[in-house]
Amino acid sequence: MALVQQFEWVFHIILIILAIMLVLCLIRAVIGPRIADRLVSVNMMGTMIMCIIVILGVIMDEGYLADIALIYAMISFLAVVVLTKVYTGVYLEQKAKKEKKKEDK
């Protein structure tokens, strides 16, 4: 534990860097321009939040935060899978409408 206390400032710098990267990923998720960009940025945000939770667990010497990070990983994975499934369905529906319009002409 003494080693963690000696390098606590390194953990704080890493947390600041992760927070900046989290804001940049949020901007990418909002402005897009494609759905794939948004999905990747949401997935990256989930991964960075898990890293932040684990680093906070090390700094505060709280072991239960690792369990919370694992649960968050599972929820984040399921959310990305569901979003991908929804966006794939929307894409296929739009593609079918475009093909139907071409056939009608």
PDB file of N, CA and C in Angstrom:
ATOM      1  N   MET A   1       0.815  -1.192   0.000  1.00  0.00           N
ATOM      2  CA  MET A   1       0.000   0.000   0.000  1.00  0.00           C
ATOM      3  C   MET A   1       0.861   1.259   0.000  1.00  0.00           C
ATOM      4  N   ALA A   2       2.087   1.152   0.503  1.00  0.00           N
ATOM      5  CA  ALA A   2       2.972   2.312   0.532  1.00  0.00           C
ATOM      6  C   ALA A   2       3.323   2.759  -0.886  1.00  0.00           C
ATOM      7  N   LEU A   3       3.430   1.794  -1.793  1.00  0.00           N
ATOM      8  CA  LEU A   3       3.743   2.124  -3.181  1.00  0.00           C
ATOM      9  C   LEU A   3       2.617   2.926  -3.814  1.00  0.00           C
ATOM     10  N   VAL A   4       1.377   2.573  -3.494  1.00  0.00           N
ATOM     11  CA  VAL A   4       0.226   3.313  -4.019  1.00  0.00           C
ATOM     12  C   VAL A   4       0.237   4.740  -3.494  1.00  0.00           C
ATOM     13  N   GLN A   5       0.593   4.925  -2.224  1.00  0.00           N
ATOM     14  CA  GLN A   5       0.640   6.266  -1.654  1.00  0.00           C
ATOM     15  C   GLN A   5       1.748   7.103  -2.272  1.00  0.00           C
ATOM     16  N   GLN A   6       2.864   6.478  -2.628  1.00  0.00           N
ATOM     17  CA  GLN A   6       3.962   7.217  -3.251  1.00  0.00           C
ATOM     18  C   GLN A   6       3.589   7.705  -4.637  1.00  0.00           C
ATOM     19  N   PHE A   7       2.830   6.934  -5.361  1.00  0.00           N
ATOM     20  CA  PHE A   7       2.487   7.287  -6.734  1.00  0.00           C
ATOM     21  C   PHE A   7       1.039   7.744  -6.881  1.00  0.00           C
ATOM     22  N   GLU A   8       0.467   8.251  -5.809  1.00  0.00           N
ATOM     23  CA  GLU A   8      -0.911   8.707  -5.860  1.00  0.00           C
ATOM     24  C   GLU A   8      -1.076   9.871  -6.828  1.00  0.00           C
ATOM     25  N   TRP A   9      -0.078  10.706  -6.964  1.00  0.00           N
ATOM     26  CA  TRP A   9      -0.147  11.834  -7.898  1.00  0.00           C
ATOM     27  C   TRP A   9      -0.219  11.340  -9.339  1.00  0.00           C
ATOM     28  N   VAL A  10       0.386  10.201  -9.626  1.00  0.00           N
ATOM     29  CA  VAL A  10       0.314   9.634 -10.977  1.00  0.00           C
ATOM     30  C   VAL A  10      -1.128   9.213 -11.279  1.00  0.00           C
ATOM     31  N   PHE A  11      -1.781   8.615 -10.288  1.00  0.00           N
ATOM     32  CA  PHE A  11      -3.171   8.213 -10.469  1.00  0.00           C
ATOM     33  C   PHE A  11      -4.076   9.422 -10.710  1.00  0.00           C
ATOM     34  N   HIS A  12      -3.793  10.512 -10.019  1.00  0.00           N
ATOM     35  CA  HIS A  12      -4.596  11.720 -10.212  1.00  0.00           C
ATOM     36  C   HIS A  12      -4.399  12.294 -11.618  1.00  0.00           C
ATOM     37  N   ILE A  13      -3.186  12.261 -12.115  1.00  0.00           N
ATOM     38  CA  ILE A  13      -2.919  12.728 -13.483  1.00  0.00           C
ATOM     39  C   ILE A  13      -3.634  11.836 -14.492  1.00  0.00           C
ATOM     40  N   ILE A  14      -3.599  10.532 -14.259  1.00  0.00           N
ATOM     41  CA  ILE A  14      -4.291   9.603 -15.155  1.00  0.00           C
ATOM     42  C   ILE A  14      -5.795   9.855 -15.135  1.00  0.00           C
ATOM     43  N   LEU A  15      -6.353  10.139 -13.957  1.00  0.00           N
ATOM     44  CA  LEU A  15      -7.779  10.438 -13.868  1.00  0.00           C
ATOM     45  C   LEU A  15      -8.136  11.706 -14.638  1.00  0.00           C
ATOM     46  N   ILE A  16      -7.281  12.710 -14.574  1.00  0.00           N
ATOM     47  CA  ILE A  16      -7.529  13.944 -15.327  1.00  0.00           C
ATOM     48  C   ILE A  16      -7.477  13.673 -16.826  1.00  0.00           C
ATOM     49  N   ILE A  17      -6.500  12.904 -17.268  1.00  0.00           N
ATOM     50  CA  ILE A  17      -6.385  12.566 -18.693  1.00  0.00           C
ATOM     51  C   ILE A  17      -7.616  11.772 -19.152  1.00  0.00           C
ATOM     52  N   LEU A  18      -8.049  10.813 -18.342  1.00  0.00           N
ATOM     53  CA  LEU A  18      -9.237  10.033 -18.697  1.00  0.00           C
ATOM     54  C   LEU A  18     -10.482  10.909 -18.756  1.00  0.00           C
ATOM     55  N   ALA A  19     -10.584  11.889 -17.860  1.00  0.00           N
ATOM     56  CA  ALA A  19     -11.742  12.787 -17.884  1.00  0.00           C
ATOM     57  C   ALA A  19     -11.749  13.625 -19.157  1.00  0.00           C
ATOM     58  N   ILE A  20     -10.587  14.094 -19.582  1.00  0.00           N
ATOM     59  CA  ILE A  20     -10.494  14.867 -20.830  1.00  0.00           C
ATOM     60  C   ILE A  20     -10.867  13.989 -22.020  1.00  0.00           C
ATOM     61  N   MET A  21     -10.362  12.762 -22.037  1.00  0.00           N
ATOM     62  CA  MET A  21     -10.695  11.844 -23.127  1.00  0.00           C
ATOM     63  C   MET A  21     -12.176  11.496 -23.126  1.00  0.00           C
ATOM     64  N   LEU A  22     -12.770  11.420 -21.943  1.00  0.00           N
ATOM     65  CA  LEU A  22     -14.195  11.132 -21.834  1.00  0.00           C
ATOM     66  C   LEU A  22     -15.028  12.247 -22.452  1.00  0.00           C
ATOM     67  N   VAL A  23     -14.626  13.492 -22.220  1.00  0.00           N
ATOM     68  CA  VAL A  23     -15.335  14.629 -22.819  1.00  0.00           C
ATOM     69  C   VAL A  23     -15.176  14.611 -24.337  1.00  0.00           C
ATOM     70  N   LEU A  24     -13.985  14.288 -24.821  1.00  0.00           N
ATOM     71  CA  LEU A  24     -13.770  14.223 -26.272  1.00  0.00           C
ATOM     72  C   LEU A  24     -14.609  13.118 -26.915  1.00  0.00           C
ATOM     73  N   CYS A  25     -14.725  11.983 -26.245  1.00  0.00           N
ATOM     74  CA  CYS A  25     -15.574  10.905 -26.767  1.00  0.00           C
ATOM     75  C   CYS A  25     -17.043  11.306 -26.748  1.00  0.00           C
ATOM     76  N   LEU A  26     -17.453  12.058 -25.742  1.00  0.00           N
ATOM     77  CA  LEU A  26     -18.830  12.537 -25.688  1.00  0.00           C
ATOM     78  C   LEU A  26     -19.116  13.478 -26.855  1.00  0.00           C
ATOM     79  N   ILE A  27     -18.157  14.334 -27.173  1.00  0.00           N
ATOM     80  CA  ILE A  27     -18.315  15.230 -28.332  1.00  0.00           C
ATOM     81  C   ILE A  27     -18.435  14.419 -29.608  1.00  0.00           C
ATOM     82  N   ARG A  28     -17.595  13.394 -29.758  1.00  0.00           N
ATOM     83  CA  ARG A  28     -17.660  12.548 -30.947  1.00  0.00           C
ATOM     84  C   ARG A  28     -19.004  11.824 -31.025  1.00  0.00           C
ATOM     85  N   ALA A  29     -19.524  11.400 -29.892  1.00  0.00           N
ATOM     86  CA  ALA A  29     -20.818  10.706 -29.893  1.00  0.00           C
ATOM     87  C   ALA A  29     -21.946  11.638 -30.295  1.00  0.00           C
ATOM     88  N   VAL A  30     -21.829  12.905 -29.963  1.00  0.00           N
ATOM     89  CA  VAL A  30     -22.894  13.852 -30.281  1.00  0.00           C
ATOM     90  C   VAL A  30     -22.830  14.284 -31.742  1.00  0.00           C
ATOM     91  N   ILE A  31     -21.630  14.617 -32.245  1.00  0.00           N
ATOM     92  CA  ILE A  31     -21.543  15.169 -33.604  1.00  0.00           C
ATOM     93  C   ILE A  31     -21.440  14.095 -34.677  1.00  0.00           C
ATOM     94  N   GLY A  32     -21.172  12.878 -34.316  1.00  0.00           N
ATOM     95  CA  GLY A  32     -21.225  11.790 -35.287  1.00  0.00           C
ATOM     96  C   GLY A  32     -20.041  11.705 -36.221  1.00  0.00           C
ATOM     97  N   PRO A  33     -20.154  11.793 -37.472  1.00  0.00           N
ATOM     98  CA  PRO A  33     -21.302  11.935 -38.351  1.00  0.00           C
ATOM     99  C   PRO A  33     -21.991  10.613 -38.675  1.00  0.00           C
ATOM    100  N   ARG A  34     -21.314   9.490 -38.461  1.00  0.00           N
ATOM    101  CA  ARG A  34     -21.929   8.199 -38.778  1.00  0.00           C
ATOM    102  C   ARG A  34     -22.330   7.476 -37.506  1.00  0.00           C
ATOM    103  N   ILE A  35     -23.176   6.506 -37.677  1.00  0.00           N
ATOM    104  CA  ILE A  35     -23.631   5.709 -36.534  1.00  0.00           C
ATOM    105  C   ILE A  35     -22.480   4.900 -35.953  1.00  0.00           C
ATOM    106  N   ALA A  36     -21.591   4.429 -36.811  1.00  0.00           N
ATOM    107  CA  ALA A  36     -20.443   3.653 -36.334  1.00  0.00           C
ATOM    108  C   ALA A  36     -19.558   4.491 -35.415  1.00  0.00           C
ATOM    109  N   ASP A  37     -19.377   5.772 -35.743  1.00  0.00           N
ATOM    110  CA  ASP A  37     -18.594   6.660 -34.883  1.00  0.00           C
ATOM    111  C   ASP A  37     -19.236   6.785 -33.511  1.00  0.00           C
ATOM    112  N   ARG A  38     -20.537   6.904 -33.497  1.00  0.00           N
ATOM    113  CA  ARG A  38     -21.254   7.051 -32.232  1.00  0.00           C
ATOM    114  C   ARG A  38     -21.155   5.779 -31.388  1.00  0.00           C
ATOM    115  N   LEU A  39     -21.296   4.621 -32.027  1.00  0.00           N
ATOM    116  CA  LEU A  39     -21.204   3.364 -31.284  1.00  0.00           C
ATOM    117  C   LEU A  39     -19.820   3.157 -30.694  1.00  0.00           C
ATOM    118  N   VAL A  40     -18.795   3.447 -31.469  1.00  0.00           N
ATOM    119  CA  VAL A  40     -17.430   3.274 -30.979  1.00  0.00           C
ATOM    120  C   VAL A  40     -17.149   4.237 -29.828  1.00  0.00           C
ATOM    121  N   SER A  41     -17.627   5.474 -29.942  1.00  0.00           N
ATOM    122  CA  SER A  41     -17.365   6.435 -28.876  1.00  0.00           C
ATOM    123  C   SER A  41     -18.119   6.066 -27.596  1.00  0.00           C
ATOM    124  N   VAL A  42     -19.329   5.555 -27.723  1.00  0.00           N
ATOM    125  CA  VAL A  42     -20.066   5.118 -26.534  1.00  0.00           C
ATOM    126  C   VAL A  42     -19.362   3.933 -25.881  1.00  0.00           C
ATOM    127  N   ASN A  43     -18.843   3.020 -26.674  1.00  0.00           N
ATOM    128  CA  ASN A  43     -18.108   1.877 -26.143  1.00  0.00           C
ATOM    129  C   ASN A  43     -16.827   2.342 -25.447  1.00  0.00           C
ATOM    130  N   MET A  44     -16.131   3.292 -26.048  1.00  0.00           N
ATOM    131  CA  MET A  44     -14.906   3.815 -25.430  1.00  0.00           C
ATOM    132  C   MET A  44     -15.208   4.544 -24.131  1.00  0.00           C
ATOM    133  N   MET A  45     -16.325   5.264 -24.102  1.00  0.00           N
ATOM    134  CA  MET A  45     -16.703   5.955 -22.874  1.00  0.00           C
ATOM    135  C   MET A  45     -16.954   4.945 -21.744  1.00  0.00           C
ATOM    136  N   GLY A  46     -17.597   3.857 -22.063  1.00  0.00           N
ATOM    137  CA  GLY A  46     -17.817   2.820 -21.061  1.00  0.00           C
ATOM    138  C   GLY A  46     -16.517   2.234 -20.547  1.00  0.00           C
ATOM    139  N   THR A  47     -15.574   1.999 -21.442  1.00  0.00           N
ATOM    140  CA  THR A  47     -14.282   1.452 -21.046  1.00  0.00           C
ATOM    141  C   THR A  47     -13.521   2.440 -20.172  1.00  0.00           C
ATOM    142  N   MET A  48     -13.545   3.716 -20.526  1.00  0.00           N
ATOM    143  CA  MET A  48     -12.832   4.710 -19.724  1.00  0.00           C
ATOM    144  C   MET A  48     -13.471   4.879 -18.348  1.00  0.00           C
ATOM    145  N   ILE A  49     -14.790   4.800 -18.278  1.00  0.00           N
ATOM    146  CA  ILE A  49     -15.451   4.902 -16.977  1.00  0.00           C
ATOM    147  C   ILE A  49     -15.065   3.721 -16.095  1.00  0.00           C
ATOM    148  N   MET A  50     -14.950   2.532 -16.689  1.00  0.00           N
ATOM    149  CA  MET A  50     -14.497   1.379 -15.909  1.00  0.00           C
ATOM    150  C   MET A  50     -13.085   1.597 -15.379  1.00  0.00           C
ATOM    151  N   CYS A  51     -12.213   2.158 -16.207  1.00  0.00           N
ATOM    152  CA  CYS A  51     -10.844   2.444 -15.763  1.00  0.00           C
ATOM    153  C   CYS A  51     -10.847   3.457 -14.621  1.00  0.00           C
ATOM    154  N   ILE A  52     -11.688   4.477 -14.734  1.00  0.00           N
ATOM    155  CA  ILE A  52     -11.778   5.478 -13.677  1.00  0.00           C
ATOM    156  C   ILE A  52     -12.247   4.844 -12.368  1.00  0.00           C
ATOM    157  N   ILE A  53     -13.235   3.970 -12.448  1.00  0.00           N
ATOM    158  CA  ILE A  53     -13.739   3.309 -11.245  1.00  0.00           C
ATOM    159  C   ILE A  53     -12.646   2.464 -10.598  1.00  0.00           C
ATOM    160  N   VAL A  54     -11.884   1.735 -11.399  1.00  0.00           N
ATOM    161  CA  VAL A  54     -10.827   0.882 -10.859  1.00  0.00           C
ATOM    162  C   VAL A  54      -9.716   1.727 -10.234  1.00  0.00           C
ATOM    163  N   ILE A  55      -9.329   2.812 -10.888  1.00  0.00           N
ATOM    164  CA  ILE A  55      -8.278   3.676 -10.332  1.00  0.00           C
ATOM    165  C   ILE A  55      -8.744   4.303  -9.022  1.00  0.00           C
ATOM    166  N   LEU A  56      -9.992   4.728  -8.975  1.00  0.00           N
ATOM    167  CA  LEU A  56     -10.525   5.262  -7.719  1.00  0.00           C
ATOM    168  C   LEU A  56     -10.539   4.193  -6.631  1.00  0.00           C
ATOM    169  N   GLY A  57     -10.813   2.961  -7.002  1.00  0.00           N
ATOM    170  CA  GLY A  57     -10.770   1.869  -6.038  1.00  0.00           C
ATOM    171  C   GLY A  57      -9.380   1.645  -5.477  1.00  0.00           C
ATOM    172  N   VAL A  58      -8.359   1.806  -6.316  1.00  0.00           N
ATOM    173  CA  VAL A  58      -6.984   1.657  -5.849  1.00  0.00           C
ATOM    174  C   VAL A  58      -6.599   2.820  -4.941  1.00  0.00           C
ATOM    175  N   ILE A  59      -6.957   4.028  -5.334  1.00  0.00           N
ATOM    176  CA  ILE A  59      -6.602   5.203  -4.538  1.00  0.00           C
ATOM    177  C   ILE A  59      -7.283   5.152  -3.171  1.00  0.00           C
ATOM    178  N   MET A  60      -8.558   4.811  -3.152  1.00  0.00           N
ATOM    179  CA  MET A  60      -9.320   4.833  -1.901  1.00  0.00           C
ATOM    180  C   MET A  60      -9.212   3.522  -1.124  1.00  0.00           C
ATOM    181  N   ASP A  61      -8.529   2.540  -1.680  1.00  0.00           N
ATOM    182  CA  ASP A  61      -8.354   1.228  -1.057  1.00  0.00           C
ATOM    183  C   ASP A  61      -9.704   0.578  -0.743  1.00  0.00           C
ATOM    184  N   GLU A  62     -10.569   0.593  -1.739  1.00  0.00           N
ATOM    185  CA  GLU A  62     -11.900  -0.010  -1.623  1.00  0.00           C
ATOM    186  C   GLU A  62     -12.020  -1.118  -2.664  1.00  0.00           C
ATOM    187  N   GLY A  63     -12.039  -2.348  -2.218  1.00  0.00           N
ATOM    188  CA  GLY A  63     -12.066  -3.488  -3.124  1.00  0.00           C
ATOM    189  C   GLY A  63     -13.384  -3.685  -3.846  1.00  0.00           C
ATOM    190  N   TYR A  64     -14.478  -3.215  -3.252  1.00  0.00           N
ATOM    191  CA  TYR A  64     -15.785  -3.423  -3.878  1.00  0.00           C
ATOM    192  C   TYR A  64     -15.938  -2.646  -5.177  1.00  0.00           C
ATOM    193  N   LEU A  65     -15.103  -1.622  -5.391  1.00  0.00           N
ATOM    194  CA  LEU A  65     -15.198  -0.856  -6.633  1.00  0.00           C
ATOM    195  C   LEU A  65     -14.774  -1.684  -7.848  1.00  0.00           C
ATOM    196  N   ALA A  66     -13.920  -2.679  -7.642  1.00  0.00           N
ATOM    197  CA  ALA A  66     -13.558  -3.582  -8.741  1.00  0.00           C
ATOM    198  C   ALA A  66     -14.776  -4.403  -9.164  1.00  0.00           C
ATOM    199  N   ASP A  67     -15.578  -4.822  -8.196  1.00  0.00           N
ATOM    200  CA  ASP A  67     -16.812  -5.554  -8.517  1.00  0.00           C
ATOM    201  C   ASP A  67     -17.787  -4.667  -9.285  1.00  0.00           C
ATOM    202  N   ILE A  68     -17.888  -3.423  -8.867  1.00  0.00           N
ATOM    203  CA  ILE A  68     -18.765  -2.480  -9.564  1.00  0.00           C
ATOM    204  C   ILE A  68     -18.287  -2.274 -10.992  1.00  0.00           C
ATOM    205  N   ALA A  69     -16.974  -2.205 -11.188  1.00  0.00           N
ATOM    206  CA  ALA A  69     -16.429  -2.040 -12.543  1.00  0.00           C
ATOM    207  C   ALA A  69     -16.757  -3.252 -13.414  1.00  0.00           C
ATOM    208  N   LEU A  70     -16.705  -4.448 -12.846  1.00  0.00           N
ATOM    209  CA  LEU A  70     -17.059  -5.649 -13.613  1.00  0.00           C
ATOM    210  C   LEU A  70     -18.533  -5.653 -13.999  1.00  0.00           C
ATOM    211  N   ILE A  71     -19.385  -5.269 -13.076  1.00  0.00           N
ATOM    212  CA  ILE A  71     -20.814  -5.193 -13.389  1.00  0.00           C
ATOM    213  C   ILE A  71     -21.052  -4.142 -14.461  1.00  0.00           C
ATOM    214  N   TYR A  72     -20.371  -3.007 -14.339  1.00  0.00           N
ATOM    215  CA  TYR A  72     -20.513  -1.946 -15.341  1.00  0.00           C
ATOM    216  C   TYR A  72     -20.026  -2.429 -16.707  1.00  0.00           C
ATOM    217  N   ALA A  73     -18.978  -3.258 -16.742  1.00  0.00           N
ATOM    218  CA  ALA A  73     -18.484  -3.803 -18.007  1.00  0.00           C
ATOM    219  C   ALA A  73     -19.538  -4.666 -18.682  1.00  0.00           C
ATOM    220  N   MET A  74     -20.207  -5.489 -17.899  1.00  0.00           N
ATOM    221  CA  MET A  74     -21.256  -6.343 -18.473  1.00  0.00           C
ATOM    222  C   MET A  74     -22.419  -5.515 -19.003  1.00  0.00           C
ATOM    223  N   ILE A  75     -22.832  -4.514 -18.239  1.00  0.00           N
ATOM    224  CA  ILE A  75     -23.942  -3.664 -18.674  1.00  0.00           C
ATOM    225  C   ILE A  75     -23.555  -2.868 -19.913  1.00  0.00           C
ATOM    226  N   SER A  76     -22.332  -2.364 -19.943  1.00  0.00           N
ATOM    227  CA  SER A  76     -21.864  -1.591 -21.100  1.00  0.00           C
ATOM    228  C   SER A  76     -21.813  -2.465 -22.348  1.00  0.00           C
ATOM    229  N   PHE A  77     -21.354  -3.694 -22.197  1.00  0.00           N
ATOM    230  CA  PHE A  77     -21.297  -4.611 -23.334  1.00  0.00           C
ATOM    231  C   PHE A  77     -22.697  -4.885 -23.872  1.00  0.00           C
ATOM    232  N   LEU A  78     -23.632  -5.153 -22.976  1.00  0.00           N
ATOM    233  CA  LEU A  78     -25.001  -5.416 -23.420  1.00  0.00           C
ATOM    234  C   LEU A  78     -25.623  -4.196 -24.094  1.00  0.00           C
ATOM    235  N   ALA A  79     -25.328  -3.017 -23.578  1.00  0.00           N
ATOM    236  CA  ALA A  79     -25.865  -1.797 -24.181  1.00  0.00           C
ATOM    237  C   ALA A  79     -25.337  -1.610 -25.594  1.00  0.00           C
ATOM    238  N   VAL A  80     -24.057  -1.859 -25.816  1.00  0.00           N
ATOM    239  CA  VAL A  80     -23.487  -1.707 -27.156  1.00  0.00           C
ATOM    240  C   VAL A  80     -24.075  -2.747 -28.104  1.00  0.00           C
ATOM    241  N   VAL A  81     -24.280  -3.961 -27.625  1.00  0.00           N
ATOM    242  CA  VAL A  81     -24.872  -4.999 -28.473  1.00  0.00           C
ATOM    243  C   VAL A  81     -26.297  -4.617 -28.863  1.00  0.00           C
ATOM    244  N   VAL A  82     -27.083  -4.135 -27.914  1.00  0.00           N
ATOM    245  CA  VAL A  82     -28.465  -3.740 -28.197  1.00  0.00           C
ATOM    246  C   VAL A  82     -28.496  -2.561 -29.168  1.00  0.00           C
ATOM    247  N   LEU A  83     -27.655  -1.550 -28.939  1.00  0.00           N
ATOM    248  CA  LEU A  83     -27.618  -0.399 -29.847  1.00  0.00           C
ATOM    249  C   LEU A  83     -27.209  -0.804 -31.255  1.00  0.00           C
ATOM    250  N   THR A  84     -26.248  -1.706 -31.359  1.00  0.00           N
ATOM    251  CA  THR A  84     -25.828  -2.183 -32.682  1.00  0.00           C
ATOM    252  C   THR A  84     -26.976  -2.908 -33.375  1.00  0.00           C
ATOM    253  N   LYS A  85     -27.698  -3.711 -32.636  1.00  0.00           N
ATOM    254  CA  LYS A  85     -28.837  -4.445 -33.206  1.00  0.00           C
ATOM    255  C   LYS A  85     -29.917  -3.478 -33.688  1.00  0.00           C
ATOM    256  N   VAL A  86     -30.202  -2.452 -32.892  1.00  0.00           N
ATOM    257  CA  VAL A  86     -31.223  -1.475 -33.264  1.00  0.00           C
ATOM    258  C   VAL A  86     -30.798  -0.706 -34.512  1.00  0.00           C
ATOM    259  N   TYR A  87     -29.571  -0.214 -34.528  1.00  0.00           N
ATOM    260  CA  TYR A  87     -29.113   0.563 -35.670  1.00  0.00           C
ATOM    261  C   TYR A  87     -28.989  -0.282 -36.929  1.00  0.00           C
ATOM    262  N   THR A  88     -28.657  -1.565 -36.774  1.00  0.00           N
ATOM    263  CA  THR A  88     -28.620  -2.448 -37.934  1.00  0.00           C
ATOM    264  C   THR A  88     -30.022  -2.624 -38.504  1.00  0.00           C
ATOM    265  N   GLY A  89     -31.016  -2.775 -37.644  1.00  0.00           N
ATOM    266  CA  GLY A  89     -32.395  -2.892 -38.109  1.00  0.00           C
ATOM    267  C   GLY A  89     -32.863  -1.635 -38.821  1.00  0.00           C
ATOM    268  N   VAL A  90     -32.512  -0.464 -38.285  1.00  0.00           N
ATOM    269  CA  VAL A  90     -32.881   0.800 -38.923  1.00  0.00           C
ATOM    270  C   VAL A  90     -32.214   0.921 -40.287  1.00  0.00           C
ATOM    271  N   TYR A  91     -30.944   0.537 -40.359  1.00  0.00           N
ATOM    272  CA  TYR A  91     -30.214   0.605 -41.632  1.00  0.00           C
ATOM    273  C   TYR A  91     -30.849  -0.313 -42.673  1.00  0.00           C
ATOM    274  N   LEU A  92     -31.161  -1.532 -42.288  1.00  0.00           N
ATOM    275  CA  LEU A  92     -31.760  -2.472 -43.241  1.00  0.00           C
ATOM    276  C   LEU A  92     -33.142  -2.006 -43.690  1.00  0.00           C
ATOM    277  N   GLU A  93     -33.888  -1.382 -42.792  1.00  0.00           N
ATOM    278  CA  GLU A  93     -35.210  -0.858 -43.143  1.00  0.00           C
ATOM    279  C   GLU A  93     -35.092   0.288 -44.146  1.00  0.00           C
ATOM    280  N   GLN A  94     -34.143   1.183 -43.919  1.00  0.00           N
ATOM    281  CA  GLN A  94     -33.942   2.293 -44.860  1.00  0.00           C
ATOM    282  C   GLN A  94     -33.454   1.785 -46.217  1.00  0.00           C
ATOM    283  N   LYS A  95     -32.606   0.786 -46.187  1.00  0.00           N
ATOM    284  CA  LYS A  95     -32.093   0.208 -47.432  1.00  0.00           C
ATOM    285  C   LYS A  95     -33.230  -0.433 -48.229  1.00  0.00           C
ATOM    286  N   ALA A  96     -34.127  -1.122 -47.538  1.00  0.00           N
ATOM    287  CA  ALA A  96     -35.266  -1.752 -48.215  1.00  0.00           C
ATOM    288  C   ALA A  96     -36.186  -0.699 -48.822  1.00  0.00           C
ATOM    289  N   LYS A  97     -36.393   0.426 -48.131  1.00  0.00           N
ATOM    290  CA  LYS A  97     -37.229   1.505 -48.675  1.00  0.00           C
ATOM    291  C   LYS A  97     -36.606   2.106 -49.930  1.00  0.00           C
ATOM    292  N   LYS A  98     -35.281   2.291 -49.931  1.00  0.00           N
ATOM    293  CA  LYS A  98     -34.607   2.848 -51.101  1.00  0.00           C
ATOM    294  C   LYS A  98     -34.722   1.905 -52.293  1.00  0.00           C
ATOM    295  N   GLU A  99     -34.566   0.612 -52.044  1.00  0.00           N
ATOM    296  CA  GLU A  99     -34.683  -0.362 -53.124  1.00  0.00           C
ATOM    297  C   GLU A  99     -36.110  -0.410 -53.663  1.00  0.00           C
ATOM    298  N   LYS A 100     -37.080  -0.275 -52.784  1.00  0.00           N
ATOM    299  CA  LYS A 100     -38.469  -0.281 -53.223  1.00  0.00           C
ATOM    300  C   LYS A 100     -38.778   0.938 -54.078  1.00  0.00           C
ATOM    301  N   LYS A 101     -38.223   2.097 -53.732  1.00  0.00           N
ATOM    302  CA  LYS A 101     -38.423   3.307 -54.533  1.00  0.00           C
ATOM    303  C   LYS A 101     -37.792   3.164 -55.913  1.00  0.00           C
ATOM    304  N   LYS A 102     -36.629   2.514 -55.971  1.00  0.00           N
ATOM    305  CA  LYS A 102     -35.971   2.305 -57.267  1.00  0.00           C
ATOM    306  C   LYS A 102     -36.797   1.377 -58.153  1.00  0.00           C
ATOM    307  N   GLU A 103     -37.398   0.362 -57.541  1.00  0.00           N
ATOM    308  CA  GLU A 103     -38.213  -0.577 -58.314  1.00  0.00           C
ATOM    309  C   GLU A 103     -39.488   0.076 -58.816  1.00  0.00           C
ATOM    310  N   ASP A 104     -40.043   1.015 -58.050  1.00  0.00           N
ATOM    311  CA  ASP A 104     -41.276   1.688 -58.445  1.00  0.00           C
ATOM    312  C   ASP A 104     -41.045   2.626 -59.623  1.00  0.00           C
ATOM    313  N   LYS A 105     -39.863   3.143 -59.762  1.00  0.00           N
ATOM    314  CA  LYS A 105     -39.580   4.102 -60.857  1.00  0.00           C
ATOM    315  C   LYS A 105     -39.390   3.384 -62.121  1.00  0.00           C
TER     316      LYS A 105
END
